[in-house]
């Protein structure tokens, strides 16, 4: 099944637009479409909060990384400010996604 993005008016793809695409192209009702999109992102978010990596085949990997504390500086005043340790989410695109973006067709 191929999704069409011709109806998107903004350069950003929103959850509402994803739900609309499910409604238009798959036939789910609008409530089911919205619930499916919300459940998908809630599941990804919860796994990341729990410290688990999320791997989506053919798309990429979301990983939690712990950044160590480090010295920082206020750019306006030059004052030294300590930056506390924190967890961040990183995304690494799959080779398949990278090739699609570059317009390279895979030979598989």
C-alpha atoms as a PDB file:
ATOM      1  CA  UNK A   1       0.000   0.000   0.000  1.00  0.00           C
ATOM      2  CA  UNK A   2       1.408   3.366  -1.005  1.00  0.00           C
ATOM      3  CA  UNK A   3       0.576   6.565   0.866  1.00  0.00           C
ATOM      4  CA  UNK A   4       0.169   9.826  -0.970  1.00  0.00           C
ATOM      5  CA  UNK A   5       1.441  13.024   0.611  1.00  0.00           C
ATOM      6  CA  UNK A   6       0.187  15.413  -2.067  1.00  0.00           C
ATOM      7  CA  UNK A   7      -2.500  16.811   0.239  1.00  0.00           C
ATOM      8  CA  UNK A   8      -0.030  18.012   2.874  1.00  0.00           C
ATOM      9  CA  UNK A   9      -0.018  21.795   3.053  1.00  0.00           C
ATOM     10  CA  UNK A  10       2.900  22.320   5.448  1.00  0.00           C
ATOM     11  CA  UNK A  11       6.453  21.044   5.238  1.00  0.00           C
ATOM     12  CA  UNK A  12       6.017  19.274   8.607  1.00  0.00           C
ATOM     13  CA  UNK A  13       4.052  16.045   8.810  1.00  0.00           C
ATOM     14  CA  UNK A  14       1.743  16.204  11.835  1.00  0.00           C
ATOM     15  CA  UNK A  15      -0.044  13.501  13.811  1.00  0.00           C
ATOM     16  CA  UNK A  16      -3.348  14.926  12.553  1.00  0.00           C
ATOM     17  CA  UNK A  17      -2.165  14.555   8.955  1.00  0.00           C
ATOM     18  CA  UNK A  18      -1.047  10.965   9.613  1.00  0.00           C
ATOM     19  CA  UNK A  19      -4.479  10.169  11.059  1.00  0.00           C
ATOM     20  CA  UNK A  20      -6.123  11.778   8.012  1.00  0.00           C
ATOM     21  CA  UNK A  21      -3.979   9.617   5.693  1.00  0.00           C
ATOM     22  CA  UNK A  22      -5.071   6.482   7.583  1.00  0.00           C
ATOM     23  CA  UNK A  23      -8.678   7.599   7.217  1.00  0.00           C
ATOM     24  CA  UNK A  24      -8.377   8.425   3.502  1.00  0.00           C
ATOM     25  CA  UNK A  25      -6.197   5.596   2.272  1.00  0.00           C
ATOM     26  CA  UNK A  26      -6.786   2.669   4.603  1.00  0.00           C
ATOM     27  CA  UNK A  27     -10.429   3.204   5.480  1.00  0.00           C
ATOM     28  CA  UNK A  28     -10.241   3.445   9.252  1.00  0.00           C
ATOM     29  CA  UNK A  29     -12.728   5.868  10.734  1.00  0.00           C
ATOM     30  CA  UNK A  30     -11.341   9.171  12.004  1.00  0.00           C
ATOM     31  CA  UNK A  31     -11.490   8.166  15.678  1.00  0.00           C
ATOM     32  CA  UNK A  32      -9.699   4.840  15.010  1.00  0.00           C
ATOM     33  CA  UNK A  33      -7.075   6.645  12.921  1.00  0.00           C
ATOM     34  CA  UNK A  34      -6.361   9.177  15.660  1.00  0.00           C
ATOM     35  CA  UNK A  35      -6.285   6.467  18.339  1.00  0.00           C
ATOM     36  CA  UNK A  36      -3.865   4.342  16.279  1.00  0.00           C
ATOM     37  CA  UNK A  37      -1.456   7.231  15.721  1.00  0.00           C
ATOM     38  CA  UNK A  38      -1.624   8.238  19.393  1.00  0.00           C
ATOM     39  CA  UNK A  39      -1.059   4.637  20.527  1.00  0.00           C
ATOM     40  CA  UNK A  40       1.933   4.286  18.171  1.00  0.00           C
ATOM     41  CA  UNK A  41       3.663   7.403  19.503  1.00  0.00           C
ATOM     42  CA  UNK A  42       2.720   6.629  23.111  1.00  0.00           C
ATOM     43  CA  UNK A  43       4.336   3.202  22.767  1.00  0.00           C
ATOM     44  CA  UNK A  44       7.539   4.662  21.308  1.00  0.00           C
ATOM     45  CA  UNK A  45       7.638   7.365  23.996  1.00  0.00           C
ATOM     46  CA  UNK A  46       7.091   4.895  26.833  1.00  0.00           C
ATOM     47  CA  UNK A  47       9.829   2.545  25.617  1.00  0.00           C
ATOM     48  CA  UNK A  48      12.260   5.475  25.439  1.00  0.00           C
ATOM     49  CA  UNK A  49      11.254   6.702  28.916  1.00  0.00           C
ATOM     50  CA  UNK A  50      11.876   3.153  30.181  1.00  0.00           C
ATOM     51  CA  UNK A  51      15.404   3.349  28.724  1.00  0.00           C
ATOM     52  CA  UNK A  52      14.819   0.942  25.828  1.00  0.00           C
ATOM     53  CA  UNK A  53      15.952   1.618  22.263  1.00  0.00           C
ATOM     54  CA  UNK A  54      13.293   1.657  19.541  1.00  0.00           C
ATOM     55  CA  UNK A  55      14.211   0.159  16.165  1.00  0.00           C
ATOM     56  CA  UNK A  56      11.901   0.581  13.181  1.00  0.00           C
ATOM     57  CA  UNK A  57      13.033  -1.577  10.275  1.00  0.00           C
ATOM     58  CA  UNK A  58      13.721   0.409   7.117  1.00  0.00           C
ATOM     59  CA  UNK A  59      13.350   3.718   8.992  1.00  0.00           C
ATOM     60  CA  UNK A  60      15.870   4.018  11.818  1.00  0.00           C
ATOM     61  CA  UNK A  61      16.720   3.717  15.497  1.00  0.00           C
ATOM     62  CA  UNK A  62      15.770   5.929  18.422  1.00  0.00           C
ATOM     63  CA  UNK A  63      18.246   5.578  21.273  1.00  0.00           C
ATOM     64  CA  UNK A  64      18.527   6.985  24.779  1.00  0.00           C
ATOM     65  CA  UNK A  65      21.933   8.438  25.535  1.00  0.00           C
ATOM     66  CA  UNK A  66      23.134   9.690  28.906  1.00  0.00           C
ATOM     67  CA  UNK A  67      25.176  12.868  28.659  1.00  0.00           C
ATOM     68  CA  UNK A  68      27.699  13.524  31.405  1.00  0.00           C
ATOM     69  CA  UNK A  69      27.719  16.765  33.384  1.00  0.00           C
ATOM     70  CA  UNK A  70      29.997  19.393  31.916  1.00  0.00           C
ATOM     71  CA  UNK A  71      30.945  23.020  32.356  1.00  0.00           C
ATOM     72  CA  UNK A  72      28.972  25.495  30.282  1.00  0.00           C
ATOM     73  CA  UNK A  73      28.987  29.224  29.760  1.00  0.00           C
ATOM     74  CA  UNK A  74      26.225  31.798  29.520  1.00  0.00           C
ATOM     75  CA  UNK A  75      26.820  33.300  26.050  1.00  0.00           C
ATOM     76  CA  UNK A  76      25.423  36.689  27.052  1.00  0.00           C
ATOM     77  CA  UNK A  77      27.396  37.225  30.275  1.00  0.00           C
ATOM     78  CA  UNK A  78      30.281  34.784  29.878  1.00  0.00           C
ATOM     79  CA  UNK A  79      29.479  33.406  33.344  1.00  0.00           C
ATOM     80  CA  UNK A  80      30.457  29.760  33.917  1.00  0.00           C
ATOM     81  CA  UNK A  81      27.387  27.575  34.519  1.00  0.00           C
ATOM     82  CA  UNK A  82      27.468  23.844  35.263  1.00  0.00           C
ATOM     83  CA  UNK A  83      25.326  21.737  32.900  1.00  0.00           C
ATOM     84  CA  UNK A  84      23.844  18.756  34.728  1.00  0.00           C
ATOM     85  CA  UNK A  85      23.855  15.170  33.483  1.00  0.00           C
ATOM     86  CA  UNK A  86      20.799  14.354  31.393  1.00  0.00           C
ATOM     87  CA  UNK A  87      19.279  11.759  29.123  1.00  0.00           C
ATOM     88  CA  UNK A  88      18.660  12.635  25.479  1.00  0.00           C
ATOM     89  CA  UNK A  89      17.040  10.856  22.547  1.00  0.00           C
ATOM     90  CA  UNK A  90      19.074  10.387  19.390  1.00  0.00           C
ATOM     91  CA  UNK A  91      17.841   9.196  16.008  1.00  0.00           C
ATOM     92  CA  UNK A  92      19.951   7.341  13.463  1.00  0.00           C
ATOM     93  CA  UNK A  93      18.379   6.822  10.050  1.00  0.00           C
ATOM     94  CA  UNK A  94      18.598   3.375   8.476  1.00  0.00           C
ATOM     95  CA  UNK A  95      20.658   2.857   5.338  1.00  0.00           C
ATOM     96  CA  UNK A  96      17.419   2.275   3.427  1.00  0.00           C
ATOM     97  CA  UNK A  97      16.024   5.662   4.538  1.00  0.00           C
ATOM     98  CA  UNK A  98      19.312   7.407   3.778  1.00  0.00           C
ATOM     99  CA  UNK A  99      19.343   5.911   0.291  1.00  0.00           C
ATOM    100  CA  UNK A 100      15.728   6.969  -0.303  1.00  0.00           C
ATOM    101  CA  UNK A 101      16.527  10.527   0.734  1.00  0.00           C
ATOM    102  CA  UNK A 102      19.524  10.583  -1.609  1.00  0.00           C
ATOM    103  CA  UNK A 103      17.424   9.154  -4.449  1.00  0.00           C
ATOM    104  CA  UNK A 104      19.435   5.935  -4.641  1.00  0.00           C
ATOM    105  CA  UNK A 105      17.408   2.852  -5.465  1.00  0.00           C
ATOM    106  CA  UNK A 106      18.362  -0.251  -3.567  1.00  0.00           C
ATOM    107  CA  UNK A 107      19.354  -3.304  -5.553  1.00  0.00           C
ATOM    108  CA  UNK A 108      17.793  -5.893  -3.214  1.00  0.00           C
END
